[in-house]
Amino acid sequence: MRLVGSLMVAVIMTAGLITWTGRVQAEGTGRKAVEKVPAVYPLIARNNRIRGVVKLEVVVRGNGSVKSTKVLGGSPLLLDSATDAVLKWKFEPAAQETVEVVQILFGD
């Protein structure tokens, strides 16, 4: 499977939870995420076979930490998990704050 600009991460089962980052795509300045915390696939969403993309606008500080996120789209059952994970990400340092757009795919 060819994935350009995305990362496929395996599903990890721990304590009844599924950790899933699926395909992750970033748009914006091209600032690379150097540490990605996987999103937890909510049990209710998994049991109801709810899949989809959560799209977030991410403000990244100069030091690479995430300052804030804004939801641009996605299933309400997946939003909190994606947001919680991305808030823990670390990006490459830069001279100033940047705005990135991150998409996390839950499901296939």
Protein backbone atom coordinates (compact mmCIF):
# COMPACT_ATOMS: atom_id res chain seq x y z
CA MET A 1 0.00 0.00 0.00
CA ARG A 2 1.44 3.35 -1.01
CA LEU A 3 1.01 6.16 1.51
CA VAL A 4 2.48 9.47 0.46
CA GLY A 5 2.97 11.93 3.32
CA SER A 6 1.29 9.67 5.84
CA LEU A 7 2.19 7.14 8.43
CA MET A 8 0.51 3.80 9.00
CA VAL A 9 0.70 2.65 12.60
CA ALA A 10 -0.40 -0.75 13.82
CA VAL A 11 -3.31 -1.22 16.16
CA ILE A 12 -2.16 -1.91 19.70
CA MET A 13 -4.52 -3.52 22.19
CA THR A 14 -3.90 -2.71 25.84
CA ALA A 15 -6.26 -3.07 28.79
CA GLY A 16 -9.27 -3.30 26.50
CA LEU A 17 -8.43 -0.07 24.67
CA ILE A 18 -7.26 0.23 21.13
CA THR A 19 -4.57 2.74 20.39
CA TRP A 20 -4.75 3.91 16.83
CA THR A 21 -3.18 6.63 14.79
CA GLY A 22 -4.10 5.10 11.47
CA ARG A 23 -2.94 7.33 8.69
CA VAL A 24 -1.67 10.67 9.90
CA GLN A 25 -1.26 13.51 7.46
CA ALA A 26 0.03 17.01 8.17
CA GLU A 27 -0.35 20.12 6.07
CA GLY A 28 0.92 23.64 6.69
CA THR A 29 4.50 24.82 6.88
CA GLY A 30 5.81 21.30 6.56
CA ARG A 31 7.00 21.29 10.15
CA LYS A 32 7.62 17.66 11.02
CA ALA A 33 6.13 15.99 14.07
CA VAL A 34 9.03 14.26 15.82
CA GLU A 35 7.02 12.64 18.62
CA LYS A 36 3.48 11.39 18.02
CA VAL A 37 1.29 10.05 20.79
CA PRO A 38 -1.24 7.62 19.30
CA ALA A 39 -4.95 8.34 19.63
CA VAL A 40 -7.11 5.91 21.59
CA TYR A 41 -9.87 4.51 19.42
CA PRO A 42 -12.93 4.99 21.69
CA LEU A 43 -14.61 1.71 22.53
CA ILE A 44 -18.08 3.01 21.67
CA ALA A 45 -16.88 4.14 18.24
CA ARG A 46 -15.10 0.85 17.59
CA ASN A 47 -18.11 -1.23 18.70
CA ASN A 48 -20.39 0.80 16.42
CA ARG A 49 -17.89 0.63 13.56
CA ILE A 50 -17.59 4.38 13.39
CA ARG A 51 -14.65 5.28 11.21
CA GLY A 52 -13.45 8.46 9.71
CA VAL A 53 -11.01 11.31 9.67
CA VAL A 54 -10.57 13.92 12.37
CA LYS A 55 -9.07 17.10 10.99
CA LEU A 56 -7.41 19.49 13.44
CA GLU A 57 -5.76 22.88 13.10
CA VAL A 58 -2.74 22.84 15.43
CA VAL A 59 -0.86 25.90 16.70
CA VAL A 60 2.73 24.85 17.39
CA ARG A 61 5.04 26.95 19.57
CA GLY A 62 8.56 27.76 18.46
CA ASN A 63 9.94 25.09 20.80
CA GLY A 64 7.81 22.42 19.08
CA SER A 65 5.15 21.90 21.75
CA VAL A 66 1.48 22.15 20.82
CA LYS A 67 -0.11 25.37 22.07
CA SER A 68 -3.69 24.71 20.98
CA THR A 69 -5.92 22.77 18.63
CA LYS A 70 -9.12 23.61 16.79
CA VAL A 71 -11.41 20.96 15.36
CA LEU A 72 -12.01 21.38 11.64
CA GLY A 73 -14.08 18.23 11.18
CA GLY A 74 -14.77 14.67 12.17
CA SER A 75 -17.14 12.42 14.08
CA PRO A 76 -18.03 13.76 17.53
CA LEU A 77 -17.18 10.33 18.99
CA LEU A 78 -13.59 10.59 17.72
CA LEU A 79 -12.80 14.27 18.34
CA ASP A 80 -11.72 14.10 21.98
CA SER A 81 -9.39 11.17 21.41
CA ALA A 82 -7.68 12.81 18.45
CA THR A 83 -7.38 16.15 20.25
CA ASP A 84 -6.00 14.58 23.44
CA ALA A 85 -3.33 12.74 21.46
CA VAL A 86 -2.23 15.67 19.29
CA LEU A 87 -1.92 17.97 22.32
CA LYS A 88 0.91 15.66 23.46
CA TRP A 89 2.79 15.71 20.14
CA LYS A 90 6.17 17.41 19.69
CA PHE A 91 7.23 19.10 16.46
CA GLU A 92 10.59 20.26 15.16
CA PRO A 93 11.71 23.56 16.71
CA ALA A 94 11.26 26.70 14.59
CA ALA A 95 11.89 30.42 14.89
CA GLN A 96 8.22 31.18 15.55
CA GLU A 97 4.78 29.68 16.06
CA THR A 98 3.27 27.93 13.06
CA VAL A 99 -0.14 26.55 12.20
CA GLU A 100 -0.35 22.98 10.95
CA VAL A 101 -3.33 20.92 9.83
CA VAL A 102 -3.31 17.31 11.03
CA GLN A 103 -5.66 14.54 9.93
CA ILE A 104 -6.02 11.32 11.89
CA LEU A 105 -7.87 8.41 10.32
CA PHE A 106 -9.72 6.04 12.63
CA GLY A 107 -10.57 2.69 11.06
CA ASP A 108 -8.97 1.18 7.97
